[in-house]
Amino acid sequence: MINSRASSRPGRRGPGGKLTREAIVSVARSLIEEEGPDALSMRRLASVVNSSPMALYHHVEGRADLLAAIFAQICAEAPRPELPEDPVERMESLAMLGQRMLHEHPWTLEILSSELALRRENLWYIEEFLAAAAAAGCTDSQSAGLYLTIWKLIIGNAVLRKNRETGLAGPGNASAALEIAEAEGMPRSRKAIAEWHELGEAADLRAEITAVLSALVGRGVPATA
C-alpha cells in the first residue's frame, strides 16, 4: 500500500493550477523521501501531478535533472559548518561533510559523479575547498586537481559502502575472485582477497583523507588519475 504525502495530494501545481518546475521538483522530492529513489520515474511523477510524462519535459530534462534540483534544495537548506583555520584541516572537514551528505542521501551517487551536481547552491563547497588548497600553497590547477582526487576517494568509498549495504559486496561474494586468486603465482592476491571484507570494514576514511591531503599538499603536485 502506498502511503505518500505526494500521492495523497495529486495535482499539486503552482499558482492558478499551472504546472511549474518548482511544483514538479517538490513532488519528486516527496516521492524520494517517503518511498525511496526507485519510486521516482517520469511516468510515476506525471500520474501524481495529474499530467503526462511529455508535459513534464517542458519543465525538467528528466530524472537526473530532478535529482540534481532536489540535491540543490537540500544543500541550500543545510546550515554551513564552521570550518577550521588550518587549510589542510579545512579540506579534511569539507571532505567529511561531503561523505556525510552521501551517507544521508545515497541516491545522490547517481548525479554527483556528473556535472549535473554543479549548481549554484553547491558551489560554495567547491569554492571553500579550492580556497583552502590555495592557502596551503597550491596553484589554481593543483587546487582543482587536489579537489578532484579527494572527491574520487569520497565517491569510491560511498560506492563500496552502498554495495556492502545492498549485499553486493561481502564475504559471500568473493568466491569467484578468490578462485582466480588461488591460481599459481598469485600468493599476495590470494591473501589480500581473503582479508578484503575485513579490511574494508576497518578502513578509517578520515585518516585516509588526511594522509592523502598531507602527502599531496607536501609534494605540491596533486594526483588526479
Protein backbone atom coordinates (compact mmCIF):
# COMPACT_ATOMS: atom_id res chain seq x y z
CA MET A 1 0.00 0.00 0.00
CA ILE A 2 1.33 3.43 -0.93
CA ASN A 3 1.45 5.82 1.99
CA SER A 4 2.76 9.01 0.46
CA ARG A 5 2.00 12.64 1.02
CA ALA A 6 2.83 13.19 -2.61
CA SER A 7 0.30 10.62 -3.81
CA SER A 8 -2.33 11.93 -1.39
CA ARG A 9 -2.10 15.38 -2.96
CA PRO A 10 -2.44 14.70 -6.69
CA GLY A 11 -2.42 17.68 -8.95
CA ARG A 12 -0.08 19.80 -6.80
CA ARG A 13 0.76 22.73 -9.02
CA GLY A 14 1.83 26.35 -8.89
CA PRO A 15 -0.31 29.49 -8.68
CA GLY A 16 -3.52 29.22 -10.68
CA GLY A 17 -3.15 25.47 -11.06
CA LYS A 18 -0.32 25.89 -13.57
CA LEU A 19 2.29 23.15 -13.65
CA THR A 20 5.68 24.61 -12.66
CA ARG A 21 9.24 23.33 -12.28
CA GLU A 22 9.14 24.15 -8.57
CA ALA A 23 5.99 22.08 -8.07
CA ILE A 24 7.41 19.15 -10.02
CA VAL A 25 10.65 19.17 -8.02
CA SER A 26 8.68 19.40 -4.76
CA VAL A 27 6.58 16.33 -5.59
CA ALA A 28 9.64 14.43 -6.80
CA ARG A 29 11.40 15.15 -3.51
CA SER A 30 8.39 13.88 -1.55
CA LEU A 31 8.43 10.64 -3.53
CA ILE A 32 12.11 10.07 -2.80
CA GLU A 33 11.87 10.96 0.90
CA GLU A 34 8.80 8.81 1.51
CA GLU A 35 9.23 5.87 -0.85
CA GLY A 36 12.88 5.87 -1.87
CA PRO A 37 14.67 6.81 -5.09
CA ASP A 38 13.35 3.80 -7.01
CA ALA A 39 9.86 5.30 -6.76
CA LEU A 40 10.87 8.27 -8.87
CA SER A 41 10.17 7.93 -12.57
CA MET A 42 8.77 10.41 -15.04
CA ARG A 43 5.69 8.25 -15.55
CA ARG A 44 5.01 7.92 -11.82
CA LEU A 45 5.63 11.60 -11.25
CA ALA A 46 3.27 12.55 -14.08
CA SER A 47 0.50 10.47 -12.54
CA VAL A 48 0.96 12.19 -9.16
CA VAL A 49 0.71 15.70 -10.62
CA ASN A 50 -2.13 14.77 -13.00
CA SER A 51 -0.09 15.38 -16.09
CA SER A 52 1.62 13.44 -18.86
CA PRO A 53 5.30 12.48 -18.95
CA MET A 54 5.77 14.58 -22.09
CA ALA A 55 4.33 17.66 -20.35
CA LEU A 56 6.91 17.29 -17.57
CA TYR A 57 9.71 17.54 -20.10
CA HIS A 58 8.70 21.14 -20.76
CA HIS A 59 9.92 21.93 -17.22
CA VAL A 60 12.63 19.35 -16.42
CA GLU A 61 15.10 17.47 -18.58
CA GLY A 62 14.48 14.12 -16.92
CA ARG A 63 15.17 12.08 -13.81
CA ALA A 64 18.79 13.19 -13.47
CA ASP A 65 17.80 16.85 -13.70
CA LEU A 66 15.20 16.25 -10.98
CA LEU A 67 17.73 14.57 -8.70
CA ALA A 68 20.19 17.44 -9.18
CA ALA A 69 17.48 20.00 -8.41
CA ILE A 70 16.43 18.12 -5.26
CA PHE A 71 20.03 17.88 -4.10
CA ALA A 72 20.47 21.61 -4.71
CA GLN A 73 17.46 22.23 -2.45
CA ILE A 74 18.95 20.05 0.28
CA CYS A 75 22.28 21.87 0.05
CA ALA A 76 20.57 25.26 0.17
CA GLU A 77 18.65 24.27 3.31
CA ALA A 78 21.60 22.72 5.15
CA PRO A 79 23.48 25.03 7.57
CA ARG A 80 27.07 25.67 6.58
CA PRO A 81 29.52 24.37 9.18
CA GLU A 82 32.22 26.36 10.91
CA LEU A 83 35.50 25.30 9.34
CA PRO A 84 38.97 25.12 10.93
CA GLU A 85 41.50 27.83 10.18
CA ASP A 86 44.25 25.39 9.18
CA PRO A 87 43.86 24.83 5.41
CA VAL A 88 44.54 21.09 5.45
CA GLU A 89 42.14 20.59 8.36
CA ARG A 90 39.60 22.72 6.50
CA MET A 91 39.82 20.47 3.43
CA GLU A 92 39.55 17.41 5.66
CA SER A 93 36.37 18.80 7.28
CA LEU A 94 34.87 19.58 3.87
CA ALA A 95 35.69 16.08 2.64
CA MET A 96 33.96 14.52 5.63
CA LEU A 97 30.96 16.81 5.10
CA GLY A 98 30.70 15.55 1.54
CA GLN A 99 30.93 11.97 2.78
CA ARG A 100 28.18 12.59 5.32
CA MET A 101 25.89 14.03 2.64
CA LEU A 102 26.44 10.92 0.54
CA HIS A 103 25.72 8.70 3.52
CA GLU A 104 22.47 10.55 4.31
CA HIS A 105 21.38 10.73 0.66
CA PRO A 106 22.93 7.72 -1.14
CA TRP A 107 20.74 8.29 -4.20
CA THR A 108 22.90 11.34 -4.98
CA LEU A 109 25.60 8.98 -6.29
CA GLU A 110 23.53 8.87 -9.47
CA ILE A 111 24.31 12.52 -10.24
CA LEU A 112 27.27 13.55 -8.06
CA SER A 113 29.76 11.93 -10.42
CA SER A 114 28.49 14.18 -13.23
CA GLU A 115 28.41 17.89 -13.99
CA LEU A 116 24.70 17.94 -13.12
CA ALA A 117 25.69 18.43 -9.49
CA LEU A 118 27.47 21.70 -10.28
CA ARG A 119 24.66 24.04 -9.29
CA ARG A 120 24.99 27.41 -7.62
CA GLU A 121 23.70 26.04 -4.31
CA ASN A 122 26.59 23.55 -4.23
CA LEU A 123 29.42 25.73 -5.50
CA TRP A 124 30.24 27.21 -2.08
CA TYR A 125 31.58 23.76 -1.15
CA ILE A 126 33.99 23.68 -4.09
CA GLU A 127 34.96 27.32 -3.54
CA GLU A 128 35.82 26.67 0.11
CA PHE A 129 37.92 23.63 -0.78
CA LEU A 130 39.81 25.44 -3.55
CA ALA A 131 40.45 28.42 -1.26
CA ALA A 132 41.83 26.10 1.42
CA ALA A 133 44.07 24.37 -1.11
CA ALA A 134 45.38 27.76 -2.27
CA ALA A 135 46.05 28.73 1.34
CA ALA A 136 48.03 25.50 1.68
CA GLY A 137 50.30 26.66 -1.16
CA CYS A 138 48.72 25.01 -4.21
CA THR A 139 48.38 26.73 -7.56
CA ASP A 140 44.93 27.03 -9.13
CA SER A 141 45.41 23.93 -11.27
CA GLN A 142 46.89 21.99 -8.36
CA SER A 143 43.96 23.03 -6.15
CA ALA A 144 41.49 21.73 -8.73
CA GLY A 145 43.45 18.50 -9.06
CA LEU A 146 43.52 18.05 -5.30
CA TYR A 147 39.75 18.58 -5.10
CA LEU A 148 39.11 16.00 -7.81
CA THR A 149 41.42 13.48 -6.15
CA ILE A 150 39.66 13.77 -2.80
CA TRP A 151 36.24 13.73 -4.42
CA LYS A 152 37.07 10.49 -6.22
CA LEU A 153 38.13 8.98 -2.89
CA ILE A 154 34.81 10.02 -1.33
CA ILE A 155 32.74 8.72 -4.25
CA GLY A 156 34.61 5.41 -4.30
CA ASN A 157 34.14 4.92 -0.57
CA ALA A 158 30.42 5.69 -0.90
CA VAL A 159 30.03 3.14 -3.70
CA LEU A 160 31.77 0.44 -1.65
CA ARG A 161 29.58 1.18 1.37
CA LYS A 162 26.42 1.11 -0.73
CA ASN A 163 27.43 -2.24 -2.20
CA ARG A 164 28.06 -3.65 1.27
CA GLU A 165 24.67 -2.43 2.46
CA THR A 166 22.85 -3.91 -0.54
CA GLY A 167 24.72 -7.20 -0.30
CA LEU A 168 26.74 -6.77 -3.50
CA ALA A 169 30.00 -6.80 -1.56
CA GLY A 170 30.85 -9.05 1.33
CA PRO A 171 32.43 -12.34 2.35
CA GLY A 172 29.85 -14.39 0.45
CA ASN A 173 30.53 -12.70 -2.88
CA ALA A 174 34.27 -13.15 -3.06
CA SER A 175 34.32 -16.84 -4.07
CA ALA A 176 34.75 -16.31 -7.82
CA ALA A 177 37.52 -13.75 -7.33
CA LEU A 178 39.16 -15.97 -4.72
CA GLU A 179 39.24 -18.91 -7.12
CA ILE A 180 41.07 -16.76 -9.63
CA ALA A 181 43.47 -15.55 -6.97
CA GLU A 182 44.28 -19.14 -5.99
CA ALA A 183 45.99 -19.63 -9.32
CA GLU A 184 49.65 -20.43 -9.15
CA GLY A 185 51.91 -17.43 -8.74
CA MET A 186 49.38 -15.16 -7.01
CA PRO A 187 50.02 -15.67 -3.28
CA ARG A 188 49.74 -11.98 -2.39
CA SER A 189 46.42 -11.59 -4.19
CA ARG A 190 45.08 -14.72 -2.51
CA LYS A 191 46.00 -13.39 0.94
CA ALA A 192 44.62 -9.88 0.26
CA ILE A 193 41.30 -11.11 -1.11
CA ALA A 194 40.84 -13.42 1.86
CA GLU A 195 41.01 -10.32 4.09
CA TRP A 196 39.25 -7.94 1.67
CA HIS A 197 35.96 -7.59 3.54
CA GLU A 198 37.54 -7.14 6.96
CA LEU A 199 39.99 -4.56 5.63
CA GLY A 200 37.13 -2.60 4.07
CA GLU A 201 35.11 -2.63 7.28
CA ALA A 202 38.09 -1.47 9.32
CA ALA A 203 39.06 1.38 7.00
CA ASP A 204 39.18 4.84 8.55
CA LEU A 205 38.12 7.30 5.85
CA ARG A 206 39.10 10.40 7.81
CA ALA A 207 42.61 9.05 8.38
CA GLU A 208 42.89 8.13 4.70
CA ILE A 209 41.77 11.59 3.59
CA THR A 210 44.20 13.26 6.00
CA ALA A 211 47.07 11.12 4.74
CA VAL A 212 46.26 11.83 1.09
CA LEU A 213 45.87 15.57 1.67
CA SER A 214 49.10 15.85 3.64
CA ALA A 215 51.05 13.84 1.08
CA LEU A 216 49.74 15.67 -1.97
CA VAL A 217 50.00 19.17 -0.49
CA GLY A 218 53.52 18.40 0.66
CA ARG A 219 54.50 17.09 -2.77
CA GLY A 220 52.87 20.06 -4.47
CA VAL A 221 51.66 18.03 -7.45
CA PRO A 222 48.22 16.58 -6.66
CA ALA A 223 47.33 13.36 -8.45
CA THR A 224 44.04 13.21 -10.36
CA ALA A 225 44.36 9.87 -12.14
